[in-house]
Amino acid sequence: MKKSIIVTGGDGTFAKILKLKNKKLNLKFLSKKELNILNTKSIENCLIKYKPQILIHTAGLSRPMEQHDINISKSIDLNIIGTANIVKSCKKFNVKVIYFSTVYVYDGQKGNFRETDPVKPINNYALSKMGGECSVLMYKNSLVLRIQMTEKPFLYEKAFSDLYTNFIFHEELVPILPKIINEYGVINIGGKKRSVYEFAKIHNKNVKKIRNNIKLPPNQTMNLDKLKKIIKK
């Protein structure tokens, strides 16, 4: 039998794509109204009702990045406290947690970051996701995914030619999930190493090349050897 899995943030961007494209996993998508990550009673009620073996935690606060500077209380509540609530509740019912984190927990300077490399979050968003990671990694029955993905089509008319990433689209993560669902620890998730411009140009021939004039960390690439090894099993 397929493992029973619930997904938090069921009405979020990625969850909607996962719901549409998933063919292999037994998933139950729960909206904020159904499962409120700031209310442990709400979480526990869902765990009792659906009896999942795994909880995929996609709920939280992400873009625009500026909101993590403007409203740090909301960022802390949703990405740190909410995640801690999920972990505590899942520990109580022995439910595995799979947490969606971000490449931005690395400092983005040298590139080719391995899962064992030190982390140094580059902004408040990354700090909030790192805060979530801390609680998840305290619980051994868990998996942290450090992901570098973006919406399709590429959202912008211009793209940096001197900023290197492992960007994939949300849709590309969907077939990867069934292959890593039984893993533990931390896994980097992304695609081919290339500039943001090179990535965007594949899908939008009219995208314009620009320099990294806002001084984002220049090399956000991750080492994907661990992911590739798991997928080949």
C-alpha atoms as a PDB file:
ATOM      1  CA  MET A   1       0.000   0.000   0.000  1.00  0.00           C
ATOM      2  CA  LYS A   2       1.089   3.555  -0.661  1.00  0.00           C
ATOM      3  CA  LYS A   3       2.034   5.530   2.415  1.00  0.00           C
ATOM      4  CA  SER A   4      -0.572   8.027   3.549  1.00  0.00           C
ATOM      5  CA  ILE A   5       0.791  11.566   3.233  1.00  0.00           C
ATOM      6  CA  ILE A   6      -0.704  14.934   4.160  1.00  0.00           C
ATOM      7  CA  VAL A   7       0.550  18.188   2.647  1.00  0.00           C
ATOM      8  CA  THR A   8       0.391  21.478   4.548  1.00  0.00           C
ATOM      9  CA  GLY A   9      -0.147  24.674   2.584  1.00  0.00           C
ATOM     10  CA  GLY A  10      -2.488  22.761   0.311  1.00  0.00           C
ATOM     11  CA  ASP A  11      -3.645  25.883  -1.492  1.00  0.00           C
ATOM     12  CA  GLY A  12      -0.112  27.214  -2.098  1.00  0.00           C
ATOM     13  CA  THR A  13       1.671  27.522  -5.451  1.00  0.00           C
ATOM     14  CA  PHE A  14       3.693  24.329  -5.304  1.00  0.00           C
ATOM     15  CA  ALA A  15       0.930  22.278  -3.672  1.00  0.00           C
ATOM     16  CA  LYS A  16      -1.444  23.160  -6.512  1.00  0.00           C
ATOM     17  CA  ILE A  17       1.089  21.924  -9.061  1.00  0.00           C
ATOM     18  CA  LEU A  18       1.794  18.788  -7.034  1.00  0.00           C
ATOM     19  CA  LYS A  19      -1.934  18.060  -6.854  1.00  0.00           C
ATOM     20  CA  LEU A  20      -2.228  18.428 -10.633  1.00  0.00           C
ATOM     21  CA  LYS A  21       0.892  16.495 -11.652  1.00  0.00           C
ATOM     22  CA  ASN A  22       1.212  13.811  -8.962  1.00  0.00           C
ATOM     23  CA  LYS A  23       0.667  10.252 -10.158  1.00  0.00           C
ATOM     24  CA  LYS A  24       2.543   8.131  -7.608  1.00  0.00           C
ATOM     25  CA  LEU A  25       1.963   9.413  -4.079  1.00  0.00           C
ATOM     26  CA  ASN A  26      -1.107   9.061  -1.867  1.00  0.00           C
ATOM     27  CA  LEU A  27      -1.530  12.721  -0.933  1.00  0.00           C
ATOM     28  CA  LYS A  28      -4.115  14.649   1.063  1.00  0.00           C
ATOM     29  CA  PHE A  29      -3.826  18.421   0.628  1.00  0.00           C
ATOM     30  CA  LEU A  30      -4.857  20.544   3.602  1.00  0.00           C
ATOM     31  CA  SER A  31      -5.494  24.278   3.405  1.00  0.00           C
ATOM     32  CA  LYS A  32      -4.769  26.769   6.182  1.00  0.00           C
ATOM     33  CA  LYS A  33      -8.420  26.577   7.189  1.00  0.00           C
ATOM     34  CA  GLU A  34      -8.154  22.812   7.635  1.00  0.00           C
ATOM     35  CA  LEU A  35      -4.706  22.754   9.233  1.00  0.00           C
ATOM     36  CA  ASN A  36      -3.472  25.908  10.956  1.00  0.00           C
ATOM     37  CA  ILE A  37       0.248  25.553  11.675  1.00  0.00           C
ATOM     38  CA  LEU A  38       0.003  28.159  14.450  1.00  0.00           C
ATOM     39  CA  ASN A  39      -2.506  26.014  16.320  1.00  0.00           C
ATOM     40  CA  THR A  40      -1.152  22.715  17.664  1.00  0.00           C
ATOM     41  CA  LYS A  41      -4.677  21.477  18.351  1.00  0.00           C
ATOM     42  CA  SER A  42      -5.531  21.993  14.683  1.00  0.00           C
ATOM     43  CA  ILE A  43      -2.425  20.065  13.644  1.00  0.00           C
ATOM     44  CA  GLU A  44      -3.071  17.205  16.045  1.00  0.00           C
ATOM     45  CA  ASN A  45      -6.712  16.934  15.000  1.00  0.00           C
ATOM     46  CA  CYS A  46      -5.591  16.451  11.393  1.00  0.00           C
ATOM     47  CA  LEU A  47      -3.031  13.836  12.393  1.00  0.00           C
ATOM     48  CA  ILE A  48      -5.697  11.954  14.317  1.00  0.00           C
ATOM     49  CA  LYS A  49      -8.256  12.274  11.517  1.00  0.00           C
ATOM     50  CA  TYR A  50      -6.070  11.288   8.557  1.00  0.00           C
ATOM     51  CA  LYS A  51      -3.495   9.053  10.336  1.00  0.00           C
ATOM     52  CA  PRO A  52      -0.658   9.889   7.936  1.00  0.00           C
ATOM     53  CA  GLN A  53       2.730   8.216   7.971  1.00  0.00           C
ATOM     54  CA  ILE A  54       4.338  11.308   6.421  1.00  0.00           C
ATOM     55  CA  LEU A  55       3.631  15.051   6.534  1.00  0.00           C
ATOM     56  CA  ILE A  56       5.080  17.203   3.742  1.00  0.00           C
ATOM     57  CA  HIS A  57       5.413  20.716   5.128  1.00  0.00           C
ATOM     58  CA  THR A  58       5.131  23.329   2.370  1.00  0.00           C
ATOM     59  CA  ALA A  59       3.126  25.920   4.309  1.00  0.00           C
ATOM     60  CA  GLY A  60       4.865  29.160   5.239  1.00  0.00           C
ATOM     61  CA  LEU A  61       5.787  32.646   4.101  1.00  0.00           C
ATOM     62  CA  SER A  62       7.976  33.105   1.037  1.00  0.00           C
ATOM     63  CA  ARG A  63       7.758  35.819  -1.620  1.00  0.00           C
ATOM     64  CA  PRO A  64       8.126  38.700  -1.961  1.00  0.00           C
ATOM     65  CA  MET A  65      11.352  38.564   0.028  1.00  0.00           C
ATOM     66  CA  GLU A  66      10.839  42.085   1.357  1.00  0.00           C
ATOM     67  CA  GLN A  67       7.966  40.990   3.576  1.00  0.00           C
ATOM     68  CA  HIS A  68      10.435  39.155   5.820  1.00  0.00           C
ATOM     69  CA  ASP A  69      12.074  42.524   6.561  1.00  0.00           C
ATOM     70  CA  ILE A  70       8.846  44.501   6.782  1.00  0.00           C
ATOM     71  CA  ASN A  71       6.972  42.066   9.020  1.00  0.00           C
ATOM     72  CA  ILE A  72       9.437  39.915  10.917  1.00  0.00           C
ATOM     73  CA  SER A  73       6.750  38.812  13.369  1.00  0.00           C
ATOM     74  CA  LYS A  74       4.776  37.171  10.576  1.00  0.00           C
ATOM     75  CA  SER A  75       7.941  35.600   9.173  1.00  0.00           C
ATOM     76  CA  ILE A  76       8.891  34.201  12.575  1.00  0.00           C
ATOM     77  CA  ASP A  77       5.365  32.947  13.261  1.00  0.00           C
ATOM     78  CA  LEU A  78       4.849  31.134   9.976  1.00  0.00           C
ATOM     79  CA  ASN A  79       8.324  29.850   9.157  1.00  0.00           C
ATOM     80  CA  ILE A  80       9.832  29.208  12.585  1.00  0.00           C
ATOM     81  CA  ILE A  81       7.073  28.810  15.175  1.00  0.00           C
ATOM     82  CA  GLY A  82       4.669  27.145  12.725  1.00  0.00           C
ATOM     83  CA  THR A  83       7.323  24.635  11.702  1.00  0.00           C
ATOM     84  CA  ALA A  84       8.218  23.931  15.327  1.00  0.00           C
ATOM     85  CA  ASN A  85       4.526  23.263  16.008  1.00  0.00           C
ATOM     86  CA  ILE A  86       4.448  20.795  13.114  1.00  0.00           C
ATOM     87  CA  VAL A  87       7.517  18.969  14.431  1.00  0.00           C
ATOM     88  CA  LYS A  88       6.246  18.745  18.006  1.00  0.00           C
ATOM     89  CA  SER A  89       2.889  17.390  16.865  1.00  0.00           C
ATOM     90  CA  CYS A  90       4.436  14.897  14.430  1.00  0.00           C
ATOM     91  CA  LYS A  91       6.830  13.698  17.126  1.00  0.00           C
ATOM     92  CA  LYS A  92       3.845  13.028  19.384  1.00  0.00           C
ATOM     93  CA  PHE A  93       2.225  10.802  16.732  1.00  0.00           C
ATOM     94  CA  ASN A  94       5.452   9.425  15.213  1.00  0.00           C
ATOM     95  CA  VAL A  95       4.775  10.989  11.811  1.00  0.00           C
ATOM     96  CA  LYS A  96       7.708  11.672   9.502  1.00  0.00           C
ATOM     97  CA  VAL A  97       8.244  15.337   8.554  1.00  0.00           C
ATOM     98  CA  ILE A  98       9.498  16.390   5.127  1.00  0.00           C
ATOM     99  CA  TYR A  99      10.351  20.090   5.220  1.00  0.00           C
ATOM    100  CA  PHE A 100      10.710  22.410   2.242  1.00  0.00           C
ATOM    101  CA  SER A 101      13.712  24.650   2.929  1.00  0.00           C
ATOM    102  CA  THR A 102      15.815  26.772   0.570  1.00  0.00           C
ATOM    103  CA  VAL A 103      19.241  27.085  -1.052  1.00  0.00           C
ATOM    104  CA  TYR A 104      19.478  30.510   0.576  1.00  0.00           C
ATOM    105  CA  VAL A 105      20.567  28.971   3.879  1.00  0.00           C
ATOM    106  CA  TYR A 106      24.024  28.763   2.223  1.00  0.00           C
ATOM    107  CA  ASP A 107      25.937  32.034   1.853  1.00  0.00           C
ATOM    108  CA  GLY A 108      26.016  31.874  -1.961  1.00  0.00           C
ATOM    109  CA  GLN A 109      29.652  32.855  -2.379  1.00  0.00           C
ATOM    110  CA  LYS A 110      31.762  29.830  -3.361  1.00  0.00           C
ATOM    111  CA  GLY A 111      29.050  27.624  -4.896  1.00  0.00           C
ATOM    112  CA  ASN A 112      28.880  23.821  -5.121  1.00  0.00           C
ATOM    113  CA  PHE A 113      27.514  23.643  -1.576  1.00  0.00           C
ATOM    114  CA  ARG A 114      27.204  20.189  -0.051  1.00  0.00           C
ATOM    115  CA  GLU A 115      24.611  19.255   2.529  1.00  0.00           C
ATOM    116  CA  THR A 116      27.388  19.048   5.134  1.00  0.00           C
ATOM    117  CA  ASP A 117      28.718  22.560   4.474  1.00  0.00           C
ATOM    118  CA  PRO A 118      28.204  25.290   7.094  1.00  0.00           C
ATOM    119  CA  VAL A 119      25.117  27.422   6.637  1.00  0.00           C
ATOM    120  CA  LYS A 120      25.026  31.194   6.677  1.00  0.00           C
ATOM    121  CA  PRO A 121      21.586  32.516   5.670  1.00  0.00           C
ATOM    122  CA  ILE A 122      21.778  35.446   3.266  1.00  0.00           C
ATOM    123  CA  ASN A 123      18.598  37.334   4.279  1.00  0.00           C
ATOM    124  CA  ASN A 124      15.651  37.293   6.672  1.00  0.00           C
ATOM    125  CA  TYR A 125      13.750  34.807   4.534  1.00  0.00           C
ATOM    126  CA  ALA A 126      16.676  32.403   4.700  1.00  0.00           C
ATOM    127  CA  LEU A 127      17.031  32.984   8.442  1.00  0.00           C
ATOM    128  CA  SER A 128      13.365  32.102   8.930  1.00  0.00           C
ATOM    129  CA  LYS A 129      13.764  28.894   6.905  1.00  0.00           C
ATOM    130  CA  MET A 130      16.922  28.028   8.810  1.00  0.00           C
ATOM    131  CA  GLY A 131      14.954  28.510  12.011  1.00  0.00           C
ATOM    132  CA  GLY A 132      12.456  25.986  10.721  1.00  0.00           C
ATOM    133  CA  GLU A 133      15.262  23.596   9.810  1.00  0.00           C
ATOM    134  CA  CYS A 134      16.584  23.692  13.365  1.00  0.00           C
ATOM    135  CA  SER A 135      13.408  22.217  14.817  1.00  0.00           C
ATOM    136  CA  VAL A 136      13.026  19.673  11.996  1.00  0.00           C
ATOM    137  CA  LEU A 137      16.595  18.398  12.336  1.00  0.00           C
ATOM    138  CA  MET A 138      16.128  17.887  16.088  1.00  0.00           C
ATOM    139  CA  TYR A 139      13.565  15.227  15.125  1.00  0.00           C
ATOM    140  CA  LYS A 140      15.291  12.190  13.618  1.00  0.00           C
ATOM    141  CA  ASN A 141      12.200  11.038  11.708  1.00  0.00           C
ATOM    142  CA  SER A 142      12.573  13.857   9.207  1.00  0.00           C
ATOM    143  CA  LEU A 143      13.936  15.030   5.876  1.00  0.00           C
ATOM    144  CA  VAL A 144      14.983  18.576   4.944  1.00  0.00           C
ATOM    145  CA  LEU A 145      14.929  19.529   1.272  1.00  0.00           C
ATOM    146  CA  ARG A 146      17.080  22.526   0.376  1.00  0.00           C
ATOM    147  CA  ILE A 147      15.413  23.477  -2.863  1.00  0.00           C
ATOM    148  CA  GLN A 148      16.149  25.950  -5.645  1.00  0.00           C
ATOM    149  CA  MET A 149      13.014  26.259  -7.752  1.00  0.00           C
ATOM    150  CA  THR A 150      10.916  28.924  -9.386  1.00  0.00           C
ATOM    151  CA  GLU A 151       7.602  29.423 -11.161  1.00  0.00           C
ATOM    152  CA  LYS A 152       6.976  28.497 -14.791  1.00  0.00           C
ATOM    153  CA  PRO A 153       7.057  30.450 -16.998  1.00  0.00           C
ATOM    154  CA  PHE A 154      10.003  32.515 -15.768  1.00  0.00           C
ATOM    155  CA  LEU A 155       8.436  35.555 -14.140  1.00  0.00           C
ATOM    156  CA  TYR A 156      10.830  38.292 -15.217  1.00  0.00           C
ATOM    157  CA  GLU A 157      11.756  40.047 -18.461  1.00  0.00           C
ATOM    158  CA  LYS A 158      15.402  40.327 -17.392  1.00  0.00           C
ATOM    159  CA  ALA A 159      17.787  37.791 -15.870  1.00  0.00           C
ATOM    160  CA  PHE A 160      21.241  37.939 -14.298  1.00  0.00           C
ATOM    161  CA  SER A 161      24.097  36.624 -16.437  1.00  0.00           C
ATOM    162  CA  ASP A 162      26.611  36.655 -13.552  1.00  0.00           C
ATOM    163  CA  LEU A 163      24.560  34.879 -10.874  1.00  0.00           C
ATOM    164  CA  TYR A 164      24.778  31.076 -10.936  1.00  0.00           C
ATOM    165  CA  THR A 165      22.097  28.721  -9.650  1.00  0.00           C
ATOM    166  CA  ASN A 166      20.549  25.233  -9.918  1.00  0.00           C
ATOM    167  CA  PHE A 167      17.067  26.516 -10.802  1.00  0.00           C
ATOM    168  CA  ILE A 168      14.314  24.052 -11.661  1.00  0.00           C
ATOM    169  CA  PHE A 169      10.621  24.707 -12.135  1.00  0.00           C
ATOM    170  CA  HIS A 170       8.038  23.531  -9.601  1.00  0.00           C
ATOM    171  CA  GLU A 171       6.861  20.887 -12.076  1.00  0.00           C
ATOM    172  CA  GLU A 172      10.328  19.314 -12.154  1.00  0.00           C
ATOM    173  CA  LEU A 173      10.269  18.611  -8.421  1.00  0.00           C
ATOM    174  CA  VAL A 174       7.083  16.549  -8.622  1.00  0.00           C
ATOM    175  CA  PRO A 175       8.679  13.386 -10.171  1.00  0.00           C
ATOM    176  CA  ILE A 176      11.631  13.649  -7.772  1.00  0.00           C
ATOM    177  CA  LEU A 177       9.514  13.465  -4.601  1.00  0.00           C
ATOM    178  CA  PRO A 178       8.516   9.776  -4.853  1.00  0.00           C
ATOM    179  CA  LYS A 179      12.193   8.838  -5.228  1.00  0.00           C
ATOM    180  CA  ILE A 180      13.319  10.590  -2.030  1.00  0.00           C
ATOM    181  CA  ILE A 181      10.266  10.154   0.186  1.00  0.00           C
ATOM    182  CA  ASN A 182      11.947   7.441   2.288  1.00  0.00           C
ATOM    183  CA  GLU A 183      15.205   9.343   2.858  1.00  0.00           C
ATOM    184  CA  TYR A 184      16.306  11.158   6.025  1.00  0.00           C
ATOM    185  CA  GLY A 185      18.598  14.064   6.865  1.00  0.00           C
ATOM    186  CA  VAL A 186      19.235  16.822   4.313  1.00  0.00           C
ATOM    187  CA  ILE A 187      19.132  16.693   0.512  1.00  0.00           C
ATOM    188  CA  ASN A 188      19.949  19.473  -1.963  1.00  0.00           C
ATOM    189  CA  ILE A 189      17.333  19.684  -4.733  1.00  0.00           C
ATOM    190  CA  GLY A 190      17.920  21.502  -8.013  1.00  0.00           C
ATOM    191  CA  GLY A 191      18.973  21.170 -11.631  1.00  0.00           C
ATOM    192  CA  LYS A 192      21.880  21.954 -13.910  1.00  0.00           C
ATOM    193  CA  LYS A 193      24.364  24.593 -12.763  1.00  0.00           C
ATOM    194  CA  ARG A 194      24.078  27.701 -14.939  1.00  0.00           C
ATOM    195  CA  SER A 195      23.438  31.414 -14.811  1.00  0.00           C
ATOM    196  CA  VAL A 196      19.928  32.661 -14.219  1.00  0.00           C
ATOM    197  CA  TYR A 197      20.030  34.129 -17.736  1.00  0.00           C
ATOM    198  CA  GLU A 198      20.994  30.768 -19.284  1.00  0.00           C
ATOM    199  CA  PHE A 199      18.140  29.093 -17.427  1.00  0.00           C
ATOM    200  CA  ALA A 200      15.589  31.756 -18.383  1.00  0.00           C
ATOM    201  CA  LYS A 201      16.726  31.886 -22.042  1.00  0.00           C
ATOM    202  CA  ILE A 202      15.750  28.240 -22.587  1.00  0.00           C
ATOM    203  CA  HIS A 203      12.125  29.055 -21.879  1.00  0.00           C
ATOM    204  CA  ASN A 204      11.956  32.686 -22.993  1.00  0.00           C
ATOM    205  CA  LYS A 205      14.054  33.693 -25.986  1.00  0.00           C
ATOM    206  CA  ASN A 206      13.201  37.349 -25.419  1.00  0.00           C
ATOM    207  CA  VAL A 207      14.579  37.586 -21.891  1.00  0.00           C
ATOM    208  CA  LYS A 208      17.203  40.311 -21.561  1.00  0.00           C
ATOM    209  CA  LYS A 209      20.634  39.824 -20.020  1.00  0.00           C
ATOM    210  CA  ILE A 210      21.573  42.067 -17.080  1.00  0.00           C
ATOM    211  CA  ARG A 211      24.310  42.173 -14.467  1.00  0.00           C
ATOM    212  CA  ASN A 212      23.757  41.428 -10.795  1.00  0.00           C
ATOM    213  CA  ASN A 213      23.373  45.072  -9.827  1.00  0.00           C
ATOM    214  CA  ILE A 214      21.664  44.337  -6.490  1.00  0.00           C
ATOM    215  CA  LYS A 215      24.650  42.349  -5.224  1.00  0.00           C
ATOM    216  CA  LEU A 216      22.970  39.024  -4.586  1.00  0.00           C
ATOM    217  CA  PRO A 217      25.454  36.273  -3.653  1.00  0.00           C
ATOM    218  CA  PRO A 218      27.029  35.353  -7.015  1.00  0.00           C
ATOM    219  CA  ASN A 219      27.292  31.561  -6.801  1.00  0.00           C
ATOM    220  CA  GLN A 220      24.293  29.856  -5.226  1.00  0.00           C
ATOM    221  CA  THR A 221      24.948  26.486  -6.859  1.00  0.00           C
ATOM    222  CA  MET A 222      24.624  23.292  -4.839  1.00  0.00           C
ATOM    223  CA  ASN A 223      26.357  19.939  -5.133  1.00  0.00           C
ATOM    224  CA  LEU A 224      23.692  17.433  -6.201  1.00  0.00           C
ATOM    225  CA  ASP A 225      25.730  14.213  -5.914  1.00  0.00           C
ATOM    226  CA  LYS A 226      23.617  12.932  -3.020  1.00  0.00           C
ATOM    227  CA  LEU A 227      20.380  13.486  -4.943  1.00  0.00           C
ATOM    228  CA  LYS A 228      21.760  11.836  -8.088  1.00  0.00           C
ATOM    229  CA  LYS A 229      22.917   8.800  -6.112  1.00  0.00           C
ATOM    230  CA  ILE A 230      19.475   8.354  -4.540  1.00  0.00           C
ATOM    231  CA  ILE A 231      17.664   8.711  -7.867  1.00  0.00           C
ATOM    232  CA  LYS A 232      19.882   6.031  -9.449  1.00  0.00           C
ATOM    233  CA  LYS A 233      18.983   3.418  -6.820  1.00  0.00           C
END
